[in-house]
Amino acid sequence: AATGVYPPQVKVYELSELSMKFERHMDCETVQFEILSDDYSKMAFLQADRTIEFHAKFGTYYKTRIPKVGRDMIYDKHNCDLVVVGSTNEAYRLNLENGRFLKPYSLLSSGANAIDQ
């Protein structure tokens, strides 16, 4: 998968077949994205306007806002948490199984540009 800035869009490619599966246009620039399933059917996009946009095979499924601007995001498959870091000393956790925000992790720094498992 690849994202573009102008116009904001995502394109998903099948490299074994050398073909493009689909492309979708979005309302805002994508900062980071995560593929949530083993195939391309479920994806989450961290947008520049503080939203996380969830996509299924048919298109946009749901949008939610985070409290502060996000810079990076990672999906923890073990507990179904989507962890977002950014311009604050907290790492926001969105539990996708329950569909709600959990208590954020506290960071030692005043902000984070990247997160890794």
Protein backbone atom coordinates (compact mmCIF):
# COMPACT_ATOMS: atom_id res chain seq x y z
CA ALA A 1 0.00 0.00 0.00
CA ALA A 2 1.10 3.56 -0.67
CA THR A 3 -0.36 6.92 0.28
CA GLY A 4 -0.13 10.24 -1.51
CA VAL A 5 -0.47 13.86 -0.45
CA TYR A 6 -2.16 15.69 -3.31
CA PRO A 7 -4.84 14.62 -3.66
CA PRO A 8 -4.90 12.61 -0.41
CA GLN A 9 -5.30 9.00 -1.47
CA VAL A 10 -4.20 5.42 -0.88
CA LYS A 11 -3.37 2.81 -3.50
CA VAL A 12 -3.02 -0.89 -2.75
CA TYR A 13 -0.90 -3.03 -5.06
CA GLU A 14 -0.61 -6.80 -5.55
CA LEU A 15 3.07 -7.23 -6.38
CA SER A 16 2.82 -10.92 -7.26
CA GLU A 17 0.36 -10.02 -10.03
CA LEU A 18 1.94 -6.61 -10.79
CA SER A 19 -1.43 -4.92 -10.50
CA MET A 20 -3.23 -2.30 -8.45
CA LYS A 21 -6.07 -3.72 -6.32
CA PHE A 22 -7.84 -0.43 -5.58
CA GLU A 23 -7.40 3.25 -4.85
CA ARG A 24 -9.35 5.48 -2.48
CA HIS A 25 -9.39 9.22 -2.02
CA MET A 26 -9.49 10.77 1.44
CA ASP A 27 -10.43 14.09 3.00
CA CYS A 28 -7.08 14.79 4.66
CA GLU A 29 -3.38 13.93 4.34
CA THR A 30 -2.32 10.57 5.79
CA VAL A 31 0.50 10.73 8.36
CA GLN A 32 0.77 6.97 9.01
CA PHE A 33 -1.24 3.85 8.27
CA GLU A 34 -1.45 0.31 9.58
CA ILE A 35 -2.86 -2.80 7.94
CA LEU A 36 -4.97 -4.47 10.63
CA SER A 37 -5.72 -7.78 8.91
CA ASP A 38 -3.59 -10.37 7.15
CA ASP A 39 -4.79 -9.06 3.81
CA TYR A 40 -5.71 -5.53 2.77
CA SER A 41 -9.33 -5.75 3.94
CA LYS A 42 -8.92 -3.77 7.21
CA MET A 43 -6.74 -0.66 7.46
CA ALA A 44 -6.35 2.30 9.84
CA PHE A 45 -5.11 5.72 8.73
CA LEU A 46 -3.75 8.42 11.04
CA GLN A 47 -4.74 11.73 9.45
CA ALA A 48 -3.14 15.17 9.81
CA ASP A 49 -6.40 16.62 11.20
CA ARG A 50 -6.25 14.43 14.37
CA THR A 51 -8.55 11.71 13.06
CA ILE A 52 -8.07 7.99 12.73
CA GLU A 53 -9.97 6.66 9.74
CA PHE A 54 -10.83 2.96 9.56
CA HIS A 55 -11.37 1.28 6.20
CA ALA A 56 -12.87 -2.08 5.30
CA LYS A 57 -13.08 -3.73 1.88
CA PHE A 58 -16.04 -1.59 0.88
CA GLY A 59 -14.50 1.76 1.90
CA THR A 60 -14.52 4.07 4.90
CA TYR A 61 -16.00 2.35 7.94
CA TYR A 62 -15.51 4.75 10.86
CA LYS A 63 -13.67 7.93 11.90
CA THR A 64 -12.63 9.00 15.40
CA ARG A 65 -10.58 11.90 16.76
CA ILE A 66 -7.59 11.75 19.06
CA PRO A 67 -6.90 14.45 21.72
CA LYS A 68 -3.60 15.74 20.26
CA VAL A 69 -1.87 15.70 16.88
CA GLY A 70 -0.43 12.25 16.13
CA ARG A 71 2.94 11.62 14.50
CA ASP A 72 3.12 7.82 14.46
CA MET A 73 0.93 4.84 15.17
CA ILE A 74 1.35 1.11 15.66
CA TYR A 75 -1.07 -1.81 15.97
CA ASP A 76 -0.48 -4.30 18.79
CA LYS A 77 -2.06 -7.58 17.61
CA HIS A 78 -1.78 -9.25 21.02
CA ASN A 79 -4.29 -6.99 22.78
CA CYS A 80 -5.94 -5.25 19.76
CA ASP A 81 -4.60 -1.81 20.76
CA LEU A 82 -3.86 0.94 18.28
CA VAL A 83 -1.19 3.10 19.97
CA VAL A 84 -0.71 6.69 18.76
CA VAL A 85 2.14 8.99 19.81
CA GLY A 86 2.67 12.62 18.96
CA SER A 87 3.12 16.10 20.33
CA THR A 88 2.44 15.21 23.96
CA ASN A 89 3.99 13.06 26.69
CA GLU A 90 1.24 10.45 26.39
CA ALA A 91 0.75 7.48 24.06
CA TYR A 92 -2.95 7.16 23.36
CA ARG A 93 -4.39 3.63 23.24
CA LEU A 94 -7.52 2.79 21.28
CA ASN A 95 -8.72 -0.74 21.97
CA LEU A 96 -10.29 -2.03 18.76
CA GLU A 97 -11.95 -5.02 20.41
CA ASN A 98 -13.92 -2.86 22.87
CA GLY A 99 -14.05 0.23 20.65
CA ARG A 100 -12.91 2.70 23.29
CA PHE A 101 -9.87 4.64 24.44
CA LEU A 102 -7.92 3.18 27.35
CA LYS A 103 -5.76 5.01 29.89
CA PRO A 104 -2.79 6.42 27.94
CA TYR A 105 0.79 5.38 28.57
CA SER A 106 3.01 8.09 30.10
CA LEU A 107 6.21 8.91 28.22
CA LEU A 108 9.41 10.27 29.74
CA SER A 109 9.88 12.79 26.93
CA SER A 110 7.71 15.78 26.06
CA GLY A 111 6.70 14.19 22.73
CA ALA A 112 7.49 11.31 20.39
CA ASN A 113 8.09 11.22 16.65
CA ALA A 114 8.05 7.41 16.26
CA ILE A 115 6.93 4.25 18.02
CA ASP A 116 8.12 0.66 17.61
CA GLN A 117 7.15 -2.63 19.21
